[in-house]
């Protein structure tokens, strides 16, 4: 990290969100709290106008299955990576929470929502 990233542009291009704070169980219990947790994380990282990715390892609480959600806030793109067949529609509450967090973040920053979020 010190050799390749610290003090470079790469340091700001990749952000990680703790999986212990965002999972199906928490979304079911309090989706607003989870959404606000994501928004707070986005706010800490800067203006998000240059391409950067937020990586969210997501535990489905379905037998301990993990997926990776990578979010590019500047392009309104979300990448869903799953080792099992299927797509994000297996976890609609996760998608709704991520979408709501991105839109709320953009609203707080007074960014115009120029298009829908692409998954």
N, C-alpha and C. Protein backbone atom coordinates (compact mmCIF):
# COMPACT_ATOMS: atom_id res chain seq x y z
N UNK A 1 0.83 -1.19 0.00
CA UNK A 1 0.00 0.00 0.00
C UNK A 1 0.88 1.25 0.00
N UNK A 2 1.86 1.29 0.91
CA UNK A 2 2.72 2.47 0.98
C UNK A 2 3.46 2.71 -0.32
N UNK A 3 3.93 1.63 -0.95
CA UNK A 3 4.71 1.77 -2.18
C UNK A 3 3.84 2.14 -3.37
N UNK A 4 2.68 1.50 -3.49
CA UNK A 4 1.88 1.67 -4.70
C UNK A 4 0.81 2.75 -4.61
N UNK A 5 0.26 2.98 -3.44
CA UNK A 5 -0.93 3.83 -3.39
C UNK A 5 -0.81 5.11 -2.57
N UNK A 6 -0.23 5.05 -1.40
CA UNK A 6 -0.23 6.22 -0.52
C UNK A 6 0.39 7.42 -1.24
N UNK A 7 -0.33 8.53 -1.20
CA UNK A 7 0.17 9.74 -1.82
C UNK A 7 -0.06 9.80 -3.32
N UNK A 8 -0.77 8.83 -3.87
CA UNK A 8 -1.05 8.83 -5.30
C UNK A 8 -2.56 8.98 -5.52
N UNK A 9 -2.92 9.14 -6.77
CA UNK A 9 -4.33 9.22 -7.13
C UNK A 9 -5.06 7.91 -6.82
N UNK A 10 -4.36 6.79 -6.89
CA UNK A 10 -4.98 5.49 -6.63
C UNK A 10 -5.56 5.40 -5.23
N UNK A 11 -4.96 6.11 -4.30
CA UNK A 11 -5.42 6.09 -2.91
C UNK A 11 -6.88 6.53 -2.81
N UNK A 12 -7.29 7.42 -3.70
CA UNK A 12 -8.65 7.94 -3.67
C UNK A 12 -9.59 7.22 -4.62
N UNK A 13 -9.09 6.26 -5.37
CA UNK A 13 -9.91 5.59 -6.38
C UNK A 13 -10.63 4.36 -5.87
N UNK A 14 -10.18 3.81 -4.74
CA UNK A 14 -10.77 2.57 -4.22
C UNK A 14 -11.13 2.76 -2.75
N UNK A 15 -12.40 2.49 -2.43
CA UNK A 15 -12.90 2.66 -1.07
C UNK A 15 -13.60 1.37 -0.66
N UNK A 16 -13.46 1.03 0.60
CA UNK A 16 -14.04 -0.22 1.08
C UNK A 16 -15.05 0.07 2.18
N UNK A 17 -16.16 -0.65 2.13
CA UNK A 17 -17.21 -0.50 3.12
C UNK A 17 -17.26 -1.77 3.94
N UNK A 18 -17.25 -1.62 5.25
CA UNK A 18 -17.21 -2.78 6.15
C UNK A 18 -18.46 -3.63 6.02
N UNK A 19 -18.26 -4.89 5.72
CA UNK A 19 -19.38 -5.83 5.57
C UNK A 19 -20.10 -6.06 6.89
N UNK A 20 -19.42 -5.81 7.99
CA UNK A 20 -20.05 -6.02 9.30
C UNK A 20 -21.16 -5.00 9.57
N UNK A 21 -21.22 -3.94 8.78
CA UNK A 21 -22.22 -2.89 9.01
C UNK A 21 -23.41 -2.96 8.06
N UNK A 22 -23.26 -3.72 6.97
CA UNK A 22 -24.31 -3.75 5.96
C UNK A 22 -24.52 -5.19 5.49
N UNK A 23 -25.65 -5.76 5.85
CA UNK A 23 -26.00 -7.10 5.42
C UNK A 23 -27.52 -7.25 5.44
N UNK A 24 -28.00 -8.40 5.00
CA UNK A 24 -29.45 -8.61 4.90
C UNK A 24 -30.14 -8.46 6.25
N UNK A 25 -29.55 -8.97 7.30
CA UNK A 25 -30.16 -8.88 8.63
C UNK A 25 -30.37 -7.43 9.04
N UNK A 26 -29.34 -6.60 8.88
CA UNK A 26 -29.45 -5.19 9.25
C UNK A 26 -30.45 -4.46 8.36
N UNK A 27 -30.45 -4.77 7.07
CA UNK A 27 -31.39 -4.11 6.16
C UNK A 27 -32.82 -4.45 6.55
N UNK A 28 -33.06 -5.70 6.92
CA UNK A 28 -34.41 -6.11 7.32
C UNK A 28 -34.85 -5.39 8.59
N UNK A 29 -33.94 -5.27 9.56
CA UNK A 29 -34.27 -4.64 10.83
C UNK A 29 -34.44 -3.13 10.72
N UNK A 30 -33.54 -2.48 10.00
CA UNK A 30 -33.58 -1.01 9.94
C UNK A 30 -32.94 -0.52 8.63
N UNK A 31 -33.71 -0.56 7.53
CA UNK A 31 -33.13 -0.17 6.24
C UNK A 31 -32.68 1.28 6.19
N UNK A 32 -33.36 2.16 6.90
CA UNK A 32 -32.97 3.58 6.89
C UNK A 32 -31.60 3.77 7.53
N UNK A 33 -31.34 3.08 8.61
CA UNK A 33 -30.04 3.17 9.28
C UNK A 33 -28.92 2.67 8.37
N UNK A 34 -29.16 1.58 7.67
CA UNK A 34 -28.15 1.04 6.75
C UNK A 34 -27.90 2.01 5.60
N UNK A 35 -28.97 2.57 5.06
CA UNK A 35 -28.83 3.55 3.98
C UNK A 35 -28.00 4.75 4.46
N UNK A 36 -28.31 5.24 5.66
CA UNK A 36 -27.55 6.38 6.20
C UNK A 36 -26.09 6.03 6.45
N UNK A 37 -25.82 4.79 6.83
CA UNK A 37 -24.44 4.33 7.00
C UNK A 37 -23.68 4.42 5.67
N UNK A 38 -24.31 4.00 4.60
CA UNK A 38 -23.69 4.11 3.28
C UNK A 38 -23.47 5.56 2.88
N UNK A 39 -24.47 6.39 3.08
CA UNK A 39 -24.35 7.81 2.72
C UNK A 39 -23.20 8.45 3.50
N UNK A 40 -23.11 8.17 4.78
CA UNK A 40 -22.02 8.72 5.59
C UNK A 40 -20.67 8.29 5.04
N UNK A 41 -20.56 7.05 4.63
CA UNK A 41 -19.30 6.55 4.07
C UNK A 41 -18.97 7.27 2.77
N UNK A 42 -19.98 7.49 1.94
CA UNK A 42 -19.75 8.21 0.68
C UNK A 42 -19.31 9.64 0.96
N UNK A 43 -19.90 10.28 1.96
CA UNK A 43 -19.60 11.69 2.27
C UNK A 43 -18.17 11.86 2.74
N UNK A 44 -17.63 10.88 3.45
CA UNK A 44 -16.28 10.97 4.00
C UNK A 44 -15.23 10.95 2.90
N UNK A 45 -15.52 10.28 1.80
CA UNK A 45 -14.51 10.01 0.79
C UNK A 45 -14.23 11.16 -0.17
N UNK A 46 -14.96 12.25 -0.11
CA UNK A 46 -14.66 13.36 -1.00
C UNK A 46 -15.81 13.67 -1.92
N UNK A 47 -15.48 14.29 -3.06
CA UNK A 47 -16.54 14.79 -3.94
C UNK A 47 -17.13 13.72 -4.85
N UNK A 48 -16.42 12.64 -5.08
CA UNK A 48 -16.90 11.54 -5.92
C UNK A 48 -17.26 11.98 -7.34
N UNK A 49 -16.59 13.00 -7.84
CA UNK A 49 -16.83 13.40 -9.22
C UNK A 49 -15.84 12.73 -10.17
N UNK A 50 -14.74 12.23 -9.65
CA UNK A 50 -13.81 11.45 -10.47
C UNK A 50 -14.13 9.98 -10.27
N UNK A 51 -13.90 9.17 -11.28
CA UNK A 51 -14.24 7.75 -11.15
C UNK A 51 -13.51 7.10 -9.97
N UNK A 52 -14.29 6.50 -9.11
CA UNK A 52 -13.74 5.73 -8.00
C UNK A 52 -14.74 4.63 -7.69
N UNK A 53 -14.27 3.59 -7.08
CA UNK A 53 -15.14 2.46 -6.75
C UNK A 53 -15.24 2.27 -5.25
N UNK A 54 -16.44 2.00 -4.81
CA UNK A 54 -16.70 1.60 -3.43
C UNK A 54 -17.01 0.11 -3.47
N UNK A 55 -16.24 -0.66 -2.74
CA UNK A 55 -16.45 -2.10 -2.69
C UNK A 55 -17.22 -2.48 -1.43
N UNK A 56 -18.33 -3.17 -1.62
CA UNK A 56 -19.16 -3.61 -0.51
C UNK A 56 -19.31 -5.13 -0.57
N UNK A 57 -18.55 -5.86 0.26
CA UNK A 57 -18.81 -7.30 0.37
C UNK A 57 -20.12 -7.46 1.11
N UNK A 58 -21.05 -8.18 0.51
CA UNK A 58 -22.40 -8.27 1.05
C UNK A 58 -22.74 -9.71 1.38
N UNK A 59 -23.09 -9.95 2.66
CA UNK A 59 -23.49 -11.28 3.10
C UNK A 59 -25.00 -11.38 3.02
N UNK A 60 -25.45 -12.35 2.24
CA UNK A 60 -26.89 -12.50 2.00
C UNK A 60 -27.62 -13.10 3.19
N UNK A 61 -26.89 -13.60 4.17
CA UNK A 61 -27.47 -14.30 5.31
C UNK A 61 -28.24 -15.53 4.86
N UNK A 62 -27.97 -15.98 3.67
CA UNK A 62 -28.61 -17.14 3.08
C UNK A 62 -27.57 -18.25 2.99
N UNK A 63 -27.32 -18.90 4.11
CA UNK A 63 -26.29 -19.93 4.12
C UNK A 63 -24.89 -19.35 4.08
N UNK A 64 -24.76 -18.07 4.39
CA UNK A 64 -23.45 -17.44 4.43
C UNK A 64 -22.90 -17.08 3.06
N UNK A 65 -23.75 -16.96 2.05
CA UNK A 65 -23.28 -16.62 0.71
C UNK A 65 -22.89 -15.15 0.62
N UNK A 66 -21.76 -14.89 -0.02
CA UNK A 66 -21.25 -13.54 -0.18
C UNK A 66 -21.30 -13.12 -1.64
N UNK A 67 -21.61 -11.86 -1.86
CA UNK A 67 -21.49 -11.25 -3.18
C UNK A 67 -20.69 -9.96 -3.01
N UNK A 68 -20.22 -9.43 -4.11
CA UNK A 68 -19.48 -8.16 -4.06
C UNK A 68 -20.25 -7.14 -4.88
N UNK A 69 -20.49 -6.00 -4.26
CA UNK A 69 -21.15 -4.89 -4.94
C UNK A 69 -20.11 -3.78 -5.05
N UNK A 70 -19.83 -3.36 -6.29
CA UNK A 70 -18.89 -2.28 -6.54
C UNK A 70 -19.66 -1.10 -7.11
N UNK A 71 -19.55 0.05 -6.47
CA UNK A 71 -20.33 1.22 -6.85
C UNK A 71 -19.43 2.33 -7.39
N UNK A 72 -19.78 2.85 -8.54
CA UNK A 72 -19.10 4.00 -9.13
C UNK A 72 -20.09 5.16 -9.10
N UNK A 73 -19.93 6.04 -8.12
CA UNK A 73 -20.90 7.12 -7.90
C UNK A 73 -20.85 8.18 -8.98
N UNK A 74 -19.69 8.38 -9.60
CA UNK A 74 -19.59 9.42 -10.63
C UNK A 74 -20.32 9.02 -11.91
N UNK A 75 -20.41 7.73 -12.16
CA UNK A 75 -21.07 7.25 -13.38
C UNK A 75 -22.45 6.64 -13.10
N UNK A 76 -22.85 6.61 -11.84
CA UNK A 76 -24.11 5.99 -11.43
C UNK A 76 -24.19 4.54 -11.92
N UNK A 77 -23.09 3.83 -11.71
CA UNK A 77 -23.01 2.43 -12.11
C UNK A 77 -22.77 1.57 -10.87
N UNK A 78 -23.46 0.44 -10.81
CA UNK A 78 -23.24 -0.52 -9.74
C UNK A 78 -22.95 -1.87 -10.39
N UNK A 79 -21.84 -2.46 -9.99
CA UNK A 79 -21.45 -3.77 -10.51
C UNK A 79 -21.74 -4.81 -9.45
N UNK A 80 -22.42 -5.86 -9.85
CA UNK A 80 -22.82 -6.94 -8.94
C UNK A 80 -22.05 -8.18 -9.36
N UNK A 81 -21.22 -8.69 -8.45
CA UNK A 81 -20.41 -9.86 -8.76
C UNK A 81 -20.79 -11.00 -7.82
N UNK A 82 -21.22 -12.10 -8.42
CA UNK A 82 -21.72 -13.23 -7.66
C UNK A 82 -21.15 -14.51 -8.26
N UNK A 83 -20.64 -15.38 -7.42
CA UNK A 83 -20.08 -16.64 -7.91
C UNK A 83 -21.17 -17.64 -8.30
N UNK A 84 -22.41 -17.38 -7.91
CA UNK A 84 -23.54 -18.25 -8.26
C UNK A 84 -24.33 -17.62 -9.40
N UNK A 85 -25.03 -18.44 -10.18
CA UNK A 85 -25.83 -17.88 -11.27
C UNK A 85 -26.94 -16.96 -10.74
N UNK A 86 -27.28 -15.98 -11.52
CA UNK A 86 -28.35 -15.06 -11.14
C UNK A 86 -27.85 -13.63 -11.14
N UNK A 87 -28.72 -12.73 -10.70
CA UNK A 87 -28.35 -11.33 -10.65
C UNK A 87 -28.83 -10.70 -9.34
N UNK A 88 -28.74 -9.39 -9.27
CA UNK A 88 -29.07 -8.66 -8.04
C UNK A 88 -30.51 -8.87 -7.61
N UNK A 89 -31.38 -9.32 -8.50
CA UNK A 89 -32.80 -9.46 -8.14
C UNK A 89 -33.02 -10.51 -7.05
N UNK A 90 -31.98 -11.31 -6.75
CA UNK A 90 -32.09 -12.26 -5.64
C UNK A 90 -32.11 -11.52 -4.30
N UNK A 91 -31.62 -10.29 -4.28
CA UNK A 91 -31.52 -9.50 -3.06
C UNK A 91 -32.13 -8.12 -3.28
N UNK A 92 -33.44 -8.04 -3.46
CA UNK A 92 -34.06 -6.74 -3.78
C UNK A 92 -33.87 -5.70 -2.69
N UNK A 93 -33.86 -6.10 -1.43
CA UNK A 93 -33.69 -5.12 -0.35
C UNK A 93 -32.30 -4.50 -0.39
N UNK A 94 -31.30 -5.29 -0.77
CA UNK A 94 -29.94 -4.76 -0.90
C UNK A 94 -29.90 -3.73 -2.02
N UNK A 95 -30.51 -4.05 -3.17
CA UNK A 95 -30.51 -3.13 -4.30
C UNK A 95 -31.23 -1.84 -3.94
N UNK A 96 -32.39 -1.96 -3.31
CA UNK A 96 -33.16 -0.76 -2.94
C UNK A 96 -32.37 0.11 -1.98
N UNK A 97 -31.66 -0.49 -1.04
CA UNK A 97 -30.88 0.26 -0.06
C UNK A 97 -29.70 0.96 -0.73
N UNK A 98 -28.99 0.27 -1.60
CA UNK A 98 -27.85 0.87 -2.30
C UNK A 98 -28.34 2.02 -3.19
N UNK A 99 -29.39 1.78 -3.96
CA UNK A 99 -29.93 2.83 -4.83
C UNK A 99 -30.34 4.06 -4.02
N UNK A 100 -31.06 3.85 -2.93
CA UNK A 100 -31.51 4.96 -2.09
C UNK A 100 -30.32 5.72 -1.51
N UNK A 101 -29.27 5.02 -1.11
CA UNK A 101 -28.09 5.67 -0.54
C UNK A 101 -27.38 6.52 -1.59
N UNK A 102 -27.25 6.00 -2.79
CA UNK A 102 -26.59 6.76 -3.86
C UNK A 102 -27.38 8.02 -4.18
N UNK A 103 -28.69 7.89 -4.30
CA UNK A 103 -29.52 9.06 -4.62
C UNK A 103 -29.52 10.09 -3.48
N UNK A 104 -29.55 9.61 -2.24
CA UNK A 104 -29.52 10.53 -1.10
C UNK A 104 -28.17 11.25 -1.03
N UNK A 105 -27.08 10.52 -1.27
CA UNK A 105 -25.76 11.13 -1.29
C UNK A 105 -25.70 12.24 -2.35
N UNK A 106 -26.17 11.92 -3.56
CA UNK A 106 -26.12 12.90 -4.65
C UNK A 106 -26.98 14.12 -4.31
N UNK A 107 -28.09 13.90 -3.65
CA UNK A 107 -28.95 15.01 -3.24
C UNK A 107 -28.25 15.89 -2.20
N UNK A 108 -27.60 15.26 -1.23
CA UNK A 108 -26.89 16.02 -0.19
C UNK A 108 -25.76 16.85 -0.77
N UNK A 109 -25.15 16.35 -1.83
CA UNK A 109 -24.04 17.06 -2.49
C UNK A 109 -24.54 18.02 -3.56
N UNK A 110 -25.87 18.09 -3.74
CA UNK A 110 -26.49 18.94 -4.76
C UNK A 110 -26.04 18.58 -6.17
N UNK A 111 -25.77 17.28 -6.38
CA UNK A 111 -25.47 16.80 -7.73
C UNK A 111 -26.79 16.49 -8.41
N UNK A 112 -26.86 16.83 -9.65
CA UNK A 112 -28.05 16.53 -10.42
C UNK A 112 -28.08 15.04 -10.73
N UNK A 113 -29.22 14.39 -10.50
CA UNK A 113 -29.38 12.98 -10.88
C UNK A 113 -29.72 12.93 -12.35
N UNK A 114 -28.69 12.76 -13.14
CA UNK A 114 -28.84 12.90 -14.59
C UNK A 114 -29.42 11.67 -15.27
N UNK A 115 -29.45 10.56 -14.58
CA UNK A 115 -30.01 9.35 -15.18
C UNK A 115 -30.25 8.31 -14.07
N UNK A 116 -30.85 7.23 -14.45
CA UNK A 116 -31.07 6.15 -13.50
C UNK A 116 -29.76 5.45 -13.19
N UNK A 117 -29.74 4.78 -12.07
CA UNK A 117 -28.58 3.98 -11.69
C UNK A 117 -28.58 2.71 -12.53
N UNK A 118 -27.46 2.40 -13.13
CA UNK A 118 -27.34 1.20 -13.95
C UNK A 118 -26.70 0.09 -13.14
N UNK A 119 -27.36 -1.06 -13.13
CA UNK A 119 -26.83 -2.25 -12.45
C UNK A 119 -26.36 -3.23 -13.51
